[in-house]
């Protein structure tokens, strides 16, 4: 009963910590509203592009640390790996749909990386899901020059390898749940721009694969809401 209480408490605390919109607060201090500029997402990447790396880097560390911290606290309290992952999932949900910003948040990738990194360090589990995620992310970034596809491939590889190496079902399901939350945020990031003429199918495919509505990367990342038009072949 005590364990259940602490688990539920950590889930709530994880969501609230994840909801702290540090990127938004730092940007607003510089007169920038991330919800209205660039990708319009309240995350470290948009903060980096709309302000500077000097502001975004510590925020990225914060996003990484808040996921890792809550998972570590869950482990200290004796919760199982699966329960730790649920706590981590609550942090990601808080980051993506923060209660303090009317549920308009970021993508949760930095927090996801923190969770994936710490799990094998504090638990008796295979390192291969985390290793595969990091490898795909780094190589994909170097080859493609962008992270959306590598992140997608990495979060898909994690539960597959968890199942292959016969981790407990709860652990594999935890990886699947995290992947689904990241994908759900991509697909529902924001309503389509009014003058966006692409079809719903193309819009969803762009969001799923490229994590944006259109194929022109630079136009999307530095866009004004009225600047979105139908695009030609994919550019990334």
Protein backbone atom coordinates (compact mmCIF):
# COMPACT_ATOMS: atom_id res chain seq x y z
CA UNK A 1 0.00 0.00 0.00
CA UNK A 2 2.87 2.36 0.89
CA UNK A 3 4.62 1.52 -2.36
CA UNK A 4 1.45 2.29 -4.31
CA UNK A 5 1.11 5.63 -2.52
CA UNK A 6 4.69 6.65 -3.33
CA UNK A 7 4.25 5.51 -6.92
CA UNK A 8 1.13 7.63 -7.43
CA UNK A 9 2.81 10.57 -5.67
CA UNK A 10 5.83 10.33 -7.95
CA UNK A 11 3.57 10.14 -11.01
CA UNK A 12 1.89 13.40 -9.93
CA UNK A 13 5.21 15.07 -9.06
CA UNK A 14 6.67 13.87 -12.34
CA UNK A 15 3.84 15.44 -14.31
CA UNK A 16 4.14 18.73 -12.41
CA UNK A 17 7.93 18.84 -12.82
CA UNK A 18 7.57 18.06 -16.51
CA UNK A 19 5.04 20.87 -16.80
CA UNK A 20 7.50 23.53 -15.64
CA UNK A 21 7.94 25.50 -18.92
CA UNK A 22 11.56 26.57 -18.53
CA UNK A 23 12.04 27.15 -22.27
CA UNK A 24 9.00 29.42 -22.34
CA UNK A 25 10.06 31.35 -19.24
CA UNK A 26 13.61 31.92 -20.47
CA UNK A 27 12.37 33.02 -23.90
CA UNK A 28 9.77 35.38 -22.41
CA UNK A 29 12.51 36.99 -20.34
CA UNK A 30 14.08 37.91 -23.69
CA UNK A 31 10.80 39.14 -25.14
CA UNK A 32 10.15 36.02 -27.24
CA UNK A 33 6.95 33.96 -27.11
CA UNK A 34 7.90 30.50 -28.38
CA UNK A 35 4.23 29.69 -28.96
CA UNK A 36 4.14 32.32 -31.72
CA UNK A 37 7.54 31.91 -33.36
CA UNK A 38 9.51 29.25 -35.20
CA UNK A 39 8.00 25.81 -34.79
CA UNK A 40 5.72 27.31 -32.10
CA UNK A 41 6.73 24.51 -29.74
CA UNK A 42 7.82 25.23 -26.18
CA UNK A 43 11.03 23.25 -26.20
CA UNK A 44 14.80 23.55 -26.21
CA UNK A 45 15.13 23.28 -29.98
CA UNK A 46 12.82 26.20 -30.69
CA UNK A 47 14.46 28.18 -27.88
CA UNK A 48 17.87 27.55 -29.48
CA UNK A 49 16.75 28.85 -32.87
CA UNK A 50 14.69 31.79 -31.61
CA UNK A 51 17.24 33.02 -29.03
CA UNK A 52 20.69 31.44 -28.65
CA UNK A 53 22.50 28.23 -27.78
CA UNK A 54 23.75 29.85 -24.57
CA UNK A 55 20.17 30.00 -23.31
CA UNK A 56 19.03 26.71 -24.80
CA UNK A 57 21.89 24.48 -23.61
CA UNK A 58 21.13 24.71 -19.86
CA UNK A 59 17.43 24.24 -20.62
CA UNK A 60 18.27 21.10 -22.57
CA UNK A 61 20.21 19.84 -19.56
CA UNK A 62 17.23 20.63 -17.34
CA UNK A 63 14.85 18.72 -19.62
CA UNK A 64 17.24 15.75 -19.64
CA UNK A 65 17.73 15.86 -15.87
CA UNK A 66 14.06 16.09 -14.88
CA UNK A 67 13.26 12.76 -16.55
CA UNK A 68 16.38 11.08 -15.16
CA UNK A 69 15.79 12.49 -11.67
CA UNK A 70 12.24 11.22 -11.33
CA UNK A 71 13.19 7.74 -12.56
CA UNK A 72 16.11 7.69 -10.12
CA UNK A 73 13.83 8.70 -7.22
CA UNK A 74 11.43 5.92 -8.18
CA UNK A 75 14.30 3.42 -8.10
CA UNK A 76 15.44 4.70 -4.69
CA UNK A 77 11.95 4.01 -3.34
CA UNK A 78 12.17 0.41 -4.56
CA UNK A 79 9.75 0.67 -7.47
CA UNK A 80 10.09 -1.82 -10.30
CA UNK A 81 11.56 -0.86 -13.67
CA UNK A 82 8.10 -0.79 -15.20
CA UNK A 83 6.86 1.52 -12.43
CA UNK A 84 9.89 3.75 -12.92
CA UNK A 85 9.04 4.01 -16.61
CA UNK A 86 5.50 5.09 -15.79
CA UNK A 87 6.92 7.86 -13.61
CA UNK A 88 9.18 8.87 -16.48
CA UNK A 89 6.24 8.78 -18.83
CA UNK A 90 4.40 11.22 -16.55
CA UNK A 91 7.32 13.66 -16.87
CA UNK A 92 7.19 13.42 -20.68
CA UNK A 93 3.43 14.00 -20.66
CA UNK A 94 3.91 17.02 -18.41
CA UNK A 95 6.54 18.43 -20.76
CA UNK A 96 4.40 17.83 -23.85
CA UNK A 97 1.09 18.93 -22.32
CA UNK A 98 1.99 21.25 -19.41
CA UNK A 99 -0.81 22.31 -17.13
CA UNK A 100 0.89 25.69 -16.63
CA UNK A 101 0.70 26.57 -20.36
CA UNK A 102 -2.78 25.29 -21.16
CA UNK A 103 -1.26 21.99 -22.36
CA UNK A 104 0.88 23.61 -25.09
CA UNK A 105 4.36 22.18 -24.60
CA UNK A 106 7.34 20.71 -26.39
CA UNK A 107 8.14 17.33 -27.92
CA UNK A 108 9.63 15.58 -24.88
CA UNK A 109 12.73 14.31 -26.67
CA UNK A 110 15.24 15.72 -24.17
CA UNK A 111 13.29 14.22 -21.28
CA UNK A 112 12.98 10.93 -23.16
CA UNK A 113 16.76 10.80 -23.62
CA UNK A 114 17.27 11.31 -19.88
CA UNK A 115 14.92 8.44 -19.07
CA UNK A 116 16.39 6.07 -21.63
CA UNK A 117 19.92 6.87 -20.42
CA UNK A 118 19.41 6.36 -16.71
CA UNK A 119 17.26 3.22 -16.79
CA UNK A 120 20.06 0.69 -17.48
CA UNK A 121 22.46 2.56 -15.19
CA UNK A 122 20.34 2.01 -12.08
CA UNK A 123 18.60 -1.25 -12.94
CA UNK A 124 19.50 -4.83 -13.79
CA UNK A 125 18.33 -4.72 -17.39
CA UNK A 126 19.79 -5.05 -20.86
CA UNK A 127 21.59 -1.99 -22.20
CA UNK A 128 20.63 -2.71 -25.82
CA UNK A 129 17.42 -0.63 -26.08
CA UNK A 130 19.30 2.43 -24.81
CA UNK A 131 22.39 1.63 -26.88
CA UNK A 132 20.30 1.23 -30.02
CA UNK A 133 18.45 4.47 -29.37
CA UNK A 134 21.66 6.47 -28.87
CA UNK A 135 23.38 4.83 -31.85
CA UNK A 136 20.47 5.50 -34.20
CA UNK A 137 20.12 9.07 -32.92
CA UNK A 138 23.81 9.94 -33.33
CA UNK A 139 24.36 8.21 -36.68
CA UNK A 140 21.06 9.47 -38.06
CA UNK A 141 21.85 13.01 -37.01
CA UNK A 142 25.29 12.86 -38.64
CA UNK A 143 23.97 11.34 -41.87
CA UNK A 144 20.68 13.23 -42.26
CA UNK A 145 21.56 16.46 -40.50
CA UNK A 146 18.28 16.30 -38.58
CA UNK A 147 16.82 14.35 -35.68
CA UNK A 148 13.10 13.60 -36.30
CA UNK A 149 13.61 10.38 -38.28
CA UNK A 150 16.42 9.08 -36.01
CA UNK A 151 14.31 9.77 -32.92
CA UNK A 152 11.38 7.92 -34.48
CA UNK A 153 13.57 4.94 -35.44
CA UNK A 154 15.18 4.91 -32.00
CA UNK A 155 11.95 4.85 -30.03
CA UNK A 156 10.67 2.04 -32.26
CA UNK A 157 13.88 0.03 -31.85
CA UNK A 158 13.80 0.26 -28.04
CA UNK A 159 10.71 -1.91 -27.36
CA UNK A 160 11.70 -4.33 -30.14
CA UNK A 161 15.08 -4.98 -28.52
CA UNK A 162 13.49 -5.11 -25.09
CA UNK A 163 11.27 -7.95 -26.35
CA UNK A 164 14.16 -9.67 -28.16
CA UNK A 165 16.25 -9.72 -24.99
CA UNK A 166 13.25 -10.96 -23.01
CA UNK A 167 12.82 -8.14 -20.58
CA UNK A 168 9.69 -8.36 -18.40
CA UNK A 169 6.52 -7.57 -20.33
CA UNK A 170 5.96 -4.46 -18.24
CA UNK A 171 9.31 -3.03 -19.34
CA UNK A 172 8.59 -3.63 -23.03
CA UNK A 173 5.15 -2.11 -22.61
CA UNK A 174 6.79 0.90 -20.94
CA UNK A 175 8.99 1.46 -23.98
CA UNK A 176 5.95 1.11 -26.24
CA UNK A 177 3.97 3.63 -24.16
CA UNK A 178 6.79 6.17 -24.31
CA UNK A 179 7.06 5.73 -28.09
CA UNK A 180 3.29 6.18 -28.51
CA UNK A 181 3.29 9.38 -26.46
CA UNK A 182 6.11 10.86 -28.54
CA UNK A 183 4.32 9.94 -31.78
CA UNK A 184 0.98 11.23 -30.48
CA UNK A 185 2.56 14.61 -29.73
CA UNK A 186 3.94 14.76 -33.26
CA UNK A 187 0.58 14.03 -34.82
CA UNK A 188 -1.37 16.48 -32.64
CA UNK A 189 1.26 19.18 -32.15
CA UNK A 190 -0.99 22.01 -33.32
CA UNK A 191 -3.92 22.64 -35.68
CA UNK A 192 -2.91 22.93 -39.36
CA UNK A 193 -2.19 26.47 -40.52
CA UNK A 194 -5.22 27.99 -42.25
CA UNK A 195 -3.58 28.48 -45.65
CA UNK A 196 -1.85 25.09 -45.66
CA UNK A 197 -3.13 23.37 -48.82
CA UNK A 198 -1.67 19.91 -48.34
CA UNK A 199 -3.97 16.94 -47.81
CA UNK A 200 -4.66 15.46 -44.40
CA UNK A 201 -2.81 12.29 -45.35
CA UNK A 202 0.30 14.19 -46.41
CA UNK A 203 0.07 16.37 -43.31
CA UNK A 204 -0.02 13.33 -41.01
CA UNK A 205 2.84 11.65 -42.89
CA UNK A 206 4.96 14.79 -42.63
CA UNK A 207 4.26 15.02 -38.91
CA UNK A 208 4.96 11.33 -38.33
CA UNK A 209 8.24 11.18 -40.26
CA UNK A 210 9.53 14.75 -40.21
CA UNK A 211 7.88 16.15 -37.07
CA UNK A 212 6.53 19.14 -38.99
CA UNK A 213 3.61 19.97 -41.26
CA UNK A 214 5.57 20.70 -44.43
CA UNK A 215 8.67 19.37 -46.14
CA UNK A 216 10.70 22.57 -46.20
CA UNK A 217 12.68 22.37 -42.99
CA UNK A 218 13.94 25.96 -42.85
CA UNK A 219 10.57 27.49 -43.73
CA UNK A 220 8.92 25.51 -40.95
CA UNK A 221 11.52 26.18 -38.26
CA UNK A 222 11.67 29.92 -38.88
CA UNK A 223 8.13 30.36 -40.08
CA UNK A 224 5.45 32.91 -39.63
CA UNK A 225 1.97 31.34 -39.40
CA UNK A 226 0.94 32.85 -42.74
CA UNK A 227 4.04 31.59 -44.54
CA UNK A 228 3.01 27.94 -44.94
CA UNK A 229 2.18 26.86 -48.45
CA UNK A 230 2.13 23.58 -50.32
CA UNK A 231 5.62 22.13 -50.76
CA UNK A 232 7.30 20.10 -53.47
CA UNK A 233 9.61 17.10 -52.95
CA UNK A 234 10.83 16.48 -49.41
CA UNK A 235 13.66 18.65 -48.24
CA UNK A 236 15.49 17.93 -45.03
